[in-house]
Amino acid sequence: MQQRRNQTEAAPVRDSTLRHSAAIDLRRYKAIIDSTDDAIIAKTLQGIITSWNPGAERMFGYSAEETIGHPLSMLIPADRLTEETEIMRRVAGGEMVNHFETVRRCKDARLIDVSVTISPIHDEFGSVVGASKIARDITERKTVTADLCRFKAIIDSSDDAIISNSLLGVVTSWNRGAEKMFGYTAQEAIGHSISMLIPFDRKQEEEEIFVRIARGDPVEHFETVRRGKDGALIDISATTSPIRDGAGTVIGASTIARDITERQRNRDHVQLLLAEVNHRAKNLLAVVRAVVVQTFRLGDPATIRDRLCDRIGGLAAGQDLLVNKAWQGVELSDLILAQLDLFKEQIGTRVLLDGPSAQLTPAASQGIGMALHELATNAAKYGAMANGQGRIRISWEVSAAPNAVFLMSWQEEGGPKIAASVGKGFGQTVLGRMVEHAIEGTAHSNFAEGGLLWRLSAPAENVLAATAQGL
């Protein structure tokens, strides 16, 4: 009897203890729910919000008073409503939906990316009566991920080599551009020393760059040389920048390298061309000087003026041909036509050309061009073209290799008798010494009764461009 009375008195004590413990648990759970940054929301199966924690207020902008009793659809963009219907169908069946990534709309109409875990709420009989949602804002993570994907796409699609390495020179990233430029795959490069690309004579240069990077100073548009996997040297223009951690400490370097081998080759070619132009200009000025000096010996100002203009015009005609052919040589027949412009309409009747195709070197073009101009001028004034019956035959040939010789002749006939004194002075200089000097050959003039005969011979290699020496 006494035992039953004691048990009866102990029951209220246990109930009180249980209620007290439950209250403590409730306060603890509420504290956890209220302090979390995640949104924790409960709703009925019909989608009506029944609880709304401070994390939900901060995330979506609505207060609990603005949401409890209202449909959760206020957070769901129109294009996501069917998604929510499907989720609630699964939850109603007692299924949990874990880490579902979607989009929700805030009070200010801003869309945010969220990761949601949805669990069914059961009553005391085990029936599903609602759902609880824990939503985490992953907008920043999604933005960072999108940025990473975008930057990775840019880096991977770049033709430039983009490389990162530690301050110890160990490669930490290696894009496709680096693979194409240097020949090493990412697997062959990452984890290895960047020194595999540095020629021995550039080691100190790289050390100086690392010193500057460690100080936090970028090195921009630095032109240097690197070595590929096949041992070939590559001219590059590189920009190297320090990589910093979250605290701002330099922990490595990133380098963007561009292959400028072709640009460097073009630059060297331009320098070579400039040197060649300078050389040719000096040669041309020397020829002009000789023309001026010899022409002024004629004495009469009017004659000097006319002959000087005429001779420089002939020189210019040859230069035009050279320029049009990019100084690669001039076809001999084209040179003849240019210098015989005074009587080009007689070519084929009174002027006969006989010889194979022959590409002359620039030097030969200038020397032979001046000689042809002088021959044509003399023929028009004193020789075969000074009357209506004279003729000129211009012929050329190249003897067989290996000691090939270029031979050319100018034969006049049917014109007035020419005294040898007519050919003296500058004309004789051009037909002799100047053309001989240009091609290291031999020239002879013969003022016979039948008409002027001029012959020229020289080693074919001094006269013909390389592509024409097989004649």
Protein backbone atom coordinates (compact mmCIF):
# COMPACT_ATOMS: atom_id res chain seq x y z
CA MET A 1 0.00 0.00 0.00
CA GLN A 2 2.77 2.34 0.93
CA GLN A 3 4.64 1.41 -2.26
CA ARG A 4 1.63 2.25 -4.47
CA ARG A 5 1.28 5.64 -2.71
CA ASN A 6 4.97 6.41 -3.36
CA GLN A 7 4.62 5.52 -7.04
CA THR A 8 1.58 7.77 -7.36
CA GLU A 9 3.45 10.67 -5.80
CA ALA A 10 6.50 10.11 -8.10
CA ALA A 11 4.50 10.29 -11.37
CA PRO A 12 3.95 14.08 -11.31
CA VAL A 13 7.61 14.54 -10.58
CA ARG A 14 8.61 12.52 -13.65
CA ASP A 15 6.09 14.36 -15.82
CA SER A 16 7.45 17.66 -14.62
CA THR A 17 11.01 16.56 -15.35
CA LEU A 18 10.05 15.43 -18.83
CA ARG A 19 8.27 18.69 -19.54
CA HIS A 20 11.25 20.62 -18.28
CA SER A 21 13.63 18.55 -20.44
CA ALA A 22 11.39 19.00 -23.48
CA ALA A 23 11.32 22.75 -22.90
CA ILE A 24 15.09 22.82 -22.75
CA ASP A 25 15.30 20.80 -25.96
CA LEU A 26 12.77 23.08 -27.62
CA ARG A 27 14.72 26.18 -26.65
CA ARG A 28 17.93 24.55 -27.88
CA TYR A 29 16.41 23.57 -31.21
CA LYS A 30 14.88 27.01 -31.59
CA ALA A 31 18.24 28.63 -30.84
CA ILE A 32 19.86 26.48 -33.48
CA ILE A 33 17.15 27.27 -36.03
CA ASP A 34 17.22 30.99 -35.21
CA SER A 35 21.00 31.30 -35.37
CA THR A 36 21.66 29.46 -38.62
CA ASP A 37 22.27 31.38 -41.83
CA ASP A 38 20.27 28.80 -43.76
CA ALA A 39 16.57 29.38 -44.38
CA ILE A 40 14.48 26.81 -42.46
CA ILE A 41 10.84 26.80 -43.52
CA ALA A 42 7.91 24.54 -42.77
CA LYS A 43 4.78 24.30 -44.88
CA THR A 44 1.67 22.23 -45.28
CA LEU A 45 1.17 19.79 -48.12
CA GLN A 46 -0.94 22.51 -49.74
CA GLY A 47 2.13 24.77 -49.75
CA ILE A 48 1.08 27.17 -46.95
CA ILE A 49 4.00 28.42 -44.86
CA THR A 50 3.75 27.49 -41.17
CA SER A 51 7.18 28.57 -39.87
CA TRP A 52 9.85 30.98 -41.05
CA ASN A 53 13.19 31.41 -39.28
CA PRO A 54 15.48 34.51 -39.18
CA GLY A 55 17.76 32.91 -41.77
CA ALA A 56 14.79 32.87 -44.18
CA GLU A 57 14.15 36.54 -43.40
CA ARG A 58 17.76 37.43 -44.21
CA MET A 59 17.86 35.27 -47.33
CA PHE A 60 14.54 36.22 -48.95
CA GLY A 61 13.81 39.61 -47.39
CA TYR A 62 10.34 38.76 -46.05
CA SER A 63 9.57 38.85 -42.31
CA ALA A 64 7.81 35.94 -40.65
CA GLU A 65 4.63 38.07 -40.42
CA GLU A 66 4.71 38.57 -44.21
CA THR A 67 5.04 34.87 -45.00
CA ILE A 68 3.37 32.63 -42.39
CA GLY A 69 -0.07 31.71 -43.64
CA HIS A 70 0.84 32.55 -47.23
CA PRO A 71 1.73 30.12 -50.04
CA LEU A 72 5.39 29.28 -50.57
CA SER A 73 4.82 29.92 -54.29
CA MET A 74 5.56 33.59 -53.55
CA LEU A 75 9.24 32.56 -53.65
CA ILE A 76 9.07 30.44 -56.77
CA PRO A 77 9.67 31.90 -60.27
CA ALA A 78 6.91 31.07 -62.77
CA ASP A 79 9.17 28.75 -64.77
CA ARG A 80 9.88 26.66 -61.62
CA LEU A 81 6.32 26.00 -60.42
CA THR A 82 6.08 22.55 -62.06
CA GLU A 83 9.39 21.69 -60.36
CA GLU A 84 7.85 22.45 -56.95
CA THR A 85 4.77 20.37 -57.74
CA GLU A 86 6.94 17.35 -58.51
CA ILE A 87 8.95 17.81 -55.30
CA MET A 88 5.82 17.98 -53.16
CA ARG A 89 4.50 14.81 -54.81
CA ARG A 90 7.64 13.00 -53.73
CA VAL A 91 7.55 14.45 -50.20
CA ALA A 92 3.89 13.48 -49.79
CA GLY A 93 5.00 9.92 -50.45
CA GLY A 94 7.42 10.14 -47.55
CA GLU A 95 10.54 10.70 -49.67
CA MET A 96 13.34 13.11 -48.72
CA VAL A 97 14.84 15.34 -51.45
CA ASN A 98 18.51 16.09 -50.74
CA HIS A 99 20.58 19.00 -51.98
CA PHE A 100 18.31 20.00 -54.83
CA GLU A 101 19.73 23.06 -56.64
CA THR A 102 17.22 25.56 -57.98
CA VAL A 103 16.35 29.26 -58.13
CA ARG A 104 14.12 31.31 -55.83
CA ARG A 105 12.84 34.88 -55.94
CA CYS A 106 13.44 37.36 -53.11
CA LYS A 107 11.17 40.16 -51.93
CA ASP A 108 13.14 42.67 -54.04
CA ALA A 109 12.55 40.40 -57.11
CA ARG A 110 16.19 39.38 -57.14
CA LEU A 111 16.80 35.75 -58.14
CA ILE A 112 19.16 33.67 -56.02
CA ASP A 113 20.61 30.20 -56.47
CA VAL A 114 19.77 27.87 -53.58
CA SER A 115 20.51 24.30 -52.55
CA VAL A 116 17.45 22.81 -50.86
CA THR A 117 16.91 19.74 -48.70
CA ILE A 118 13.22 18.90 -48.24
CA SER A 119 11.96 16.41 -45.64
CA PRO A 120 8.44 15.18 -44.90
CA ILE A 121 6.81 16.15 -41.56
CA HIS A 122 4.83 13.32 -39.95
CA ASP A 123 2.09 13.52 -37.35
CA GLU A 124 1.86 11.24 -34.30
CA PHE A 125 0.25 8.57 -36.45
CA GLY A 126 3.09 8.62 -39.03
CA SER A 127 1.10 10.37 -41.73
CA VAL A 128 2.83 13.07 -43.83
CA VAL A 129 1.21 16.41 -42.98
CA GLY A 130 3.74 18.86 -44.34
CA ALA A 131 7.33 19.51 -45.38
CA SER A 132 10.35 21.21 -43.88
CA LYS A 133 12.86 22.93 -46.12
CA ILE A 134 16.42 23.91 -45.42
CA ALA A 135 17.65 26.29 -48.14
CA ARG A 136 21.23 27.47 -48.50
CA ASP A 137 22.17 30.46 -50.68
CA ILE A 138 24.73 29.19 -53.21
CA THR A 139 24.64 32.25 -55.48
CA GLU A 140 28.23 33.16 -54.67
CA ARG A 141 29.38 29.59 -55.18
CA LYS A 142 27.54 29.37 -58.49
CA THR A 143 28.99 32.72 -59.55
CA VAL A 144 32.49 31.60 -58.64
CA THR A 145 31.93 28.29 -60.44
CA ALA A 146 30.61 30.11 -63.52
CA ASP A 147 33.57 32.49 -63.43
CA LEU A 148 35.97 29.58 -63.08
CA CYS A 149 34.37 27.83 -66.04
CA ARG A 150 34.51 31.01 -68.10
CA PHE A 151 38.13 31.73 -67.19
CA LYS A 152 39.06 28.09 -67.84
CA ALA A 153 37.41 28.25 -71.27
CA ILE A 154 39.31 31.46 -72.07
CA ILE A 155 42.60 30.01 -70.88
CA ASP A 156 42.10 26.68 -72.67
CA SER A 157 41.14 28.35 -75.95
CA SER A 158 44.03 30.82 -75.95
CA ASP A 159 46.87 30.33 -78.43
CA ASP A 160 49.14 31.99 -75.88
CA ALA A 161 50.89 29.80 -73.32
CA ILE A 162 49.40 30.51 -69.88
CA ILE A 163 51.44 28.94 -67.10
CA SER A 164 51.53 29.27 -63.32
CA ASN A 165 54.27 28.13 -60.98
CA SER A 166 55.30 28.35 -57.35
CA LEU A 167 58.05 30.66 -56.11
CA LEU A 168 60.31 27.61 -56.26
CA GLY A 169 59.66 27.39 -59.99
CA VAL A 170 57.44 24.29 -59.89
CA VAL A 171 54.76 24.34 -62.60
CA THR A 172 51.23 24.31 -61.12
CA SER A 173 49.10 24.89 -64.24
CA TRP A 174 49.69 24.46 -67.97
CA ASN A 175 47.11 25.33 -70.65
CA ARG A 176 46.63 23.96 -74.16
CA GLY A 177 48.44 26.96 -75.63
CA ALA A 178 51.51 25.95 -73.61
CA GLU A 179 51.18 22.39 -74.90
CA LYS A 180 51.11 23.60 -78.51
CA MET A 181 53.89 26.13 -78.03
CA PHE A 182 56.40 24.06 -76.07
CA GLY A 183 55.37 20.49 -76.93
CA TYR A 184 54.97 19.24 -73.35
CA THR A 185 51.58 17.95 -72.19
CA ALA A 186 50.13 19.20 -68.90
CA GLN A 187 50.96 15.82 -67.35
CA GLU A 188 54.60 16.22 -68.42
CA ALA A 189 54.88 19.78 -67.13
CA ILE A 190 52.83 20.11 -63.92
CA GLY A 191 54.91 19.27 -60.87
CA HIS A 192 58.18 19.79 -62.74
CA SER A 193 60.53 22.77 -62.78
CA ILE A 194 59.88 25.62 -65.19
CA SER A 195 63.65 25.55 -65.83
CA MET A 196 63.05 22.81 -68.43
CA LEU A 197 62.06 25.65 -70.78
CA ILE A 198 65.00 27.93 -69.98
CA PRO A 199 68.12 27.79 -72.21
CA PHE A 200 71.34 27.66 -70.20
CA ASP A 201 72.37 31.18 -71.19
CA ARG A 202 69.02 32.57 -69.90
CA LYS A 203 69.13 31.09 -66.37
CA GLN A 204 70.26 34.34 -64.71
CA GLU A 205 67.54 36.25 -66.57
CA GLU A 206 64.88 33.92 -65.09
CA GLU A 207 66.34 34.27 -61.59
CA GLU A 208 66.07 38.05 -61.83
CA ILE A 209 62.43 37.74 -62.89
CA PHE A 210 61.67 35.57 -59.84
CA VAL A 211 63.30 38.14 -57.55
CA ARG A 212 61.03 40.86 -58.94
CA ILE A 213 57.93 38.65 -58.70
CA ALA A 214 58.72 37.79 -55.07
CA ARG A 215 58.72 41.55 -54.39
CA GLY A 216 55.29 41.75 -56.00
CA ASP A 217 56.46 43.52 -59.16
CA PRO A 218 55.04 42.32 -62.52
CA VAL A 219 57.35 41.91 -65.52
CA GLU A 220 55.54 43.02 -68.67
CA HIS A 221 56.18 42.36 -72.38
CA PHE A 222 59.58 40.85 -71.80
CA GLU A 223 61.10 39.43 -75.00
CA THR A 224 63.28 36.39 -74.52
CA VAL A 225 63.95 32.84 -75.78
CA ARG A 226 62.61 29.54 -74.49
CA ARG A 227 63.32 25.93 -75.46
CA GLY A 228 60.60 23.50 -76.60
CA LYS A 229 60.43 19.78 -75.94
CA ASP A 230 62.10 19.10 -79.31
CA GLY A 231 65.04 21.35 -78.40
CA ALA A 232 64.02 24.13 -80.79
CA LEU A 233 64.44 27.70 -79.53
CA ILE A 234 61.30 29.86 -79.55
CA ASP A 235 61.23 33.66 -79.46
CA ILE A 236 58.54 34.77 -77.01
CA SER A 237 57.07 37.92 -75.52
CA ALA A 238 56.08 37.21 -71.91
CA THR A 239 54.22 38.99 -69.14
CA THR A 240 54.75 37.51 -65.67
CA SER A 241 52.60 38.58 -62.71
CA PRO A 242 52.67 37.66 -59.02
CA ILE A 243 49.99 35.31 -57.63
CA ARG A 244 48.80 36.26 -54.12
CA ASP A 245 46.88 34.34 -51.49
CA GLY A 246 43.90 35.67 -49.53
CA ALA A 247 46.23 37.59 -47.21
CA GLY A 248 48.00 39.30 -50.11
CA THR A 249 51.20 37.29 -49.80
CA VAL A 250 52.95 36.39 -53.06
CA ILE A 251 52.87 32.60 -53.41
CA GLY A 252 53.68 32.12 -57.08
CA ALA A 253 53.77 33.57 -60.58
CA SER A 254 51.58 33.42 -63.65
CA THR A 255 53.07 33.88 -67.11
CA ILE A 256 51.39 34.61 -70.43
CA ALA A 257 53.80 33.88 -73.28
CA ARG A 258 53.25 34.66 -76.95
CA ASP A 259 55.28 33.05 -79.74
CA ILE A 260 56.92 35.89 -81.66
CA THR A 261 59.28 33.71 -83.68
CA GLU A 262 57.60 34.73 -86.93
CA ARG A 263 57.48 38.37 -85.88
CA GLN A 264 61.17 38.24 -84.95
CA ARG A 265 61.92 36.58 -88.29
CA ASN A 266 59.99 39.34 -90.08
CA ARG A 267 61.80 41.97 -88.05
CA ASP A 268 65.17 40.47 -89.01
CA HIS A 269 63.99 40.30 -92.63
CA VAL A 270 63.01 43.97 -92.54
CA GLN A 271 66.44 44.86 -91.15
CA LEU A 272 68.05 42.86 -93.92
CA LEU A 273 65.87 44.58 -96.51
CA LEU A 274 66.72 47.99 -95.09
CA ALA A 275 70.41 47.16 -95.30
CA GLU A 276 69.90 45.94 -98.87
CA VAL A 277 67.94 49.06 -99.81
CA ASN A 278 70.70 51.18 -98.32
CA HIS A 279 73.29 49.26 -100.31
CA ARG A 280 71.30 49.54 -103.54
CA ALA A 281 70.58 53.21 -102.98
CA LYS A 282 74.30 53.89 -102.60
CA ASN A 283 75.00 51.92 -105.78
CA LEU A 284 72.32 53.82 -107.65
CA LEU A 285 73.63 57.17 -106.41
CA ALA A 286 77.10 56.16 -107.58
CA VAL A 287 75.69 55.43 -111.05
CA VAL A 288 73.81 58.75 -111.06
CA ARG A 289 76.98 60.54 -110.01
CA ALA A 290 78.89 58.94 -112.88
CA VAL A 291 76.11 59.91 -115.29
CA VAL A 292 76.19 63.52 -114.08
CA VAL A 293 80.00 63.80 -114.18
CA GLN A 294 80.29 62.32 -117.68
CA THR A 295 77.32 64.27 -119.06
CA PHE A 296 78.70 67.60 -117.84
CA ARG A 297 81.75 67.02 -120.04
CA LEU A 298 79.57 67.71 -123.04
CA GLY A 299 80.03 71.42 -122.26
CA ASP A 300 76.88 72.93 -123.78
CA PRO A 301 74.27 73.61 -121.03
CA ALA A 302 71.27 72.75 -123.24
CA THR A 303 72.88 69.50 -124.37
CA ILE A 304 73.85 68.67 -120.80
CA ARG A 305 70.27 69.21 -119.61
CA ASP A 306 68.69 67.11 -122.36
CA ARG A 307 71.19 64.25 -122.16
CA LEU A 308 71.14 64.20 -118.35
CA CYS A 309 67.33 63.99 -118.26
CA ASP A 310 67.38 61.34 -120.98
CA ARG A 311 69.98 59.17 -119.24
CA ILE A 312 68.36 59.42 -115.80
CA GLY A 313 65.06 58.53 -117.46
CA GLY A 314 66.65 55.37 -118.86
CA LEU A 315 68.03 54.53 -115.43
CA ALA A 316 64.58 55.09 -113.87
CA ALA A 317 62.96 52.72 -116.40
CA GLY A 318 65.23 49.92 -115.21
CA GLN A 319 64.51 50.79 -111.57
CA ASP A 320 60.76 50.59 -112.20
CA LEU A 321 61.14 47.06 -113.50
CA LEU A 322 63.18 46.05 -110.48
CA VAL A 323 60.65 47.52 -108.05
CA ASN A 324 57.76 45.80 -109.83
CA LYS A 325 59.61 42.49 -109.48
CA ALA A 326 60.39 43.15 -105.78
CA TRP A 327 64.10 43.33 -106.65
CA GLN A 328 64.11 39.63 -107.44
CA GLY A 329 65.38 40.15 -110.98
CA VAL A 330 64.16 41.41 -114.34
CA GLU A 331 63.32 39.48 -117.49
CA LEU A 332 65.88 40.56 -120.14
CA SER A 333 63.27 40.95 -122.89
CA ASP A 334 61.24 43.29 -120.60
CA LEU A 335 64.37 45.33 -119.92
CA ILE A 336 65.06 45.64 -123.67
CA LEU A 337 61.50 46.80 -124.38
CA ALA A 338 61.71 49.39 -121.59
CA GLN A 339 65.01 50.84 -122.85
CA LEU A 340 63.99 50.79 -126.54
CA ASP A 341 60.83 52.77 -125.87
CA LEU A 342 61.94 55.37 -128.47
CA PHE A 343 61.23 52.95 -131.30
CA LYS A 344 59.16 50.21 -129.70
CA GLU A 345 56.80 50.19 -132.71
CA GLN A 346 59.64 48.94 -134.91
CA ILE A 347 60.32 45.92 -132.71
CA GLY A 348 59.56 42.83 -134.75
CA THR A 349 60.27 44.55 -138.06
CA ARG A 350 63.37 46.74 -137.88
CA VAL A 351 64.37 45.59 -134.39
CA LEU A 352 64.70 41.83 -133.91
CA LEU A 353 65.06 40.10 -130.53
CA ASP A 354 66.56 36.62 -130.37
CA GLY A 355 67.20 34.75 -127.15
CA PRO A 356 65.73 32.56 -124.42
CA SER A 357 63.94 33.73 -121.30
CA ALA A 358 66.55 35.14 -118.94
CA GLN A 359 66.03 36.60 -115.45
CA LEU A 360 68.75 39.14 -114.69
CA THR A 361 70.06 39.96 -111.23
CA PRO A 362 69.41 43.51 -109.97
CA ALA A 363 73.06 44.49 -110.58
CA ALA A 364 73.00 43.08 -114.13
CA SER A 365 69.66 44.80 -114.78
CA GLN A 366 71.16 48.17 -113.90
CA GLY A 367 74.38 47.72 -115.86
CA ILE A 368 72.88 46.16 -118.98
CA GLY A 369 69.91 48.55 -118.82
CA MET A 370 72.21 51.59 -118.92
CA ALA A 371 74.15 50.06 -121.84
CA LEU A 372 70.92 49.33 -123.79
CA HIS A 373 69.69 52.86 -123.18
CA GLU A 374 72.93 54.34 -124.52
CA LEU A 375 72.92 52.00 -127.52
CA ALA A 376 69.30 52.92 -128.31
CA THR A 377 70.02 56.66 -128.00
CA ASN A 378 73.04 56.45 -130.30
CA ALA A 379 71.10 54.31 -132.80
CA ALA A 380 68.30 56.87 -132.92
CA LYS A 381 70.68 59.80 -133.47
CA TYR A 382 73.52 58.37 -135.51
CA GLY A 383 72.95 54.71 -136.24
CA ALA A 384 70.51 52.19 -137.69
CA MET A 385 67.38 54.01 -136.53
CA ALA A 386 68.53 57.41 -137.86
CA ASN A 387 67.16 56.55 -141.35
CA GLY A 388 64.37 54.45 -142.72
CA GLN A 389 66.39 51.42 -143.79
CA GLY A 390 68.53 50.43 -140.80
CA ARG A 391 67.91 47.41 -138.61
CA ILE A 392 69.05 46.20 -135.21
CA ARG A 393 69.43 42.61 -134.07
CA ILE A 394 69.72 42.00 -130.33
CA SER A 395 70.60 38.44 -129.38
CA TRP A 396 71.69 36.60 -126.26
CA GLU A 397 72.46 33.08 -125.13
CA VAL A 398 73.96 31.11 -122.25
CA SER A 399 76.58 28.47 -122.88
CA ALA A 400 76.29 25.05 -121.24
CA ALA A 401 77.29 24.39 -117.61
CA PRO A 402 79.43 23.93 -115.61
CA ASN A 403 81.27 27.11 -116.66
CA ALA A 404 78.24 28.79 -118.16
CA VAL A 405 78.84 32.12 -119.87
CA PHE A 406 76.26 34.76 -120.69
CA LEU A 407 76.74 36.23 -124.19
CA MET A 408 74.87 39.22 -125.61
CA SER A 409 75.27 41.25 -128.81
CA TRP A 410 73.81 44.38 -130.40
CA GLN A 411 74.29 44.39 -134.18
CA GLU A 412 73.27 47.35 -136.35
CA GLU A 413 73.15 47.33 -140.13
CA GLY A 414 71.81 49.51 -142.92
CA GLY A 415 72.26 52.79 -141.09
CA PRO A 416 74.55 55.76 -141.82
CA LYS A 417 78.26 55.23 -141.48
CA ILE A 418 79.28 56.05 -137.89
CA ALA A 419 82.64 57.50 -137.02
CA ALA A 420 84.29 55.90 -133.99
CA SER A 421 84.59 59.35 -132.41
CA VAL A 422 80.79 59.43 -132.00
CA GLY A 423 80.95 56.65 -129.44
CA LYS A 424 83.58 58.23 -127.24
CA GLY A 425 82.88 59.88 -123.93
CA PHE A 426 80.12 58.75 -121.63
CA GLY A 427 78.59 56.38 -124.16
CA GLN A 428 81.80 54.44 -124.41
CA THR A 429 82.11 54.46 -120.62
CA VAL A 430 78.64 52.96 -120.24
CA LEU A 431 79.16 50.39 -122.98
CA GLY A 432 82.51 49.42 -121.51
CA ARG A 433 83.66 50.07 -117.97
CA MET A 434 80.28 50.56 -116.23
CA VAL A 435 78.61 47.41 -117.54
CA GLU A 436 81.81 45.41 -117.04
CA HIS A 437 82.01 46.55 -113.43
CA ALA A 438 78.36 45.62 -112.77
CA ILE A 439 78.75 41.99 -113.84
CA GLU A 440 82.53 41.47 -113.88
CA GLY A 441 82.39 40.80 -117.62
CA THR A 442 83.95 42.05 -120.85
CA ALA A 443 82.37 44.44 -123.36
CA HIS A 444 83.61 45.43 -126.84
CA SER A 445 82.32 48.03 -129.31
CA ASN A 446 83.17 47.94 -133.03
CA PHE A 447 82.15 50.84 -135.29
CA ALA A 448 82.28 48.89 -138.54
CA GLU A 449 80.99 50.17 -141.90
CA GLY A 450 77.96 47.93 -141.67
CA GLY A 451 77.00 49.46 -138.36
CA LEU A 452 77.80 49.34 -134.67
CA LEU A 453 78.52 45.92 -133.16
CA TRP A 454 78.54 45.64 -129.36
CA ARG A 455 79.34 42.39 -127.60
CA LEU A 456 79.13 41.47 -123.93
CA SER A 457 80.26 38.32 -122.14
CA ALA A 458 80.28 37.47 -118.43
CA PRO A 459 79.97 34.48 -116.08
CA ALA A 460 76.31 33.45 -116.13
CA GLU A 461 76.21 33.39 -112.32
CA ASN A 462 76.98 37.14 -112.28
CA VAL A 463 74.20 37.96 -114.73
CA LEU A 464 71.34 35.55 -114.15
CA ALA A 465 69.16 35.25 -111.05
CA ALA A 466 69.50 31.88 -109.29
CA THR A 467 66.25 30.55 -110.77
CA ALA A 468 67.44 31.27 -114.31
CA GLN A 469 70.94 29.77 -114.18
CA GLY A 470 69.80 26.46 -115.61
CA LEU A 471 69.40 28.03 -119.06
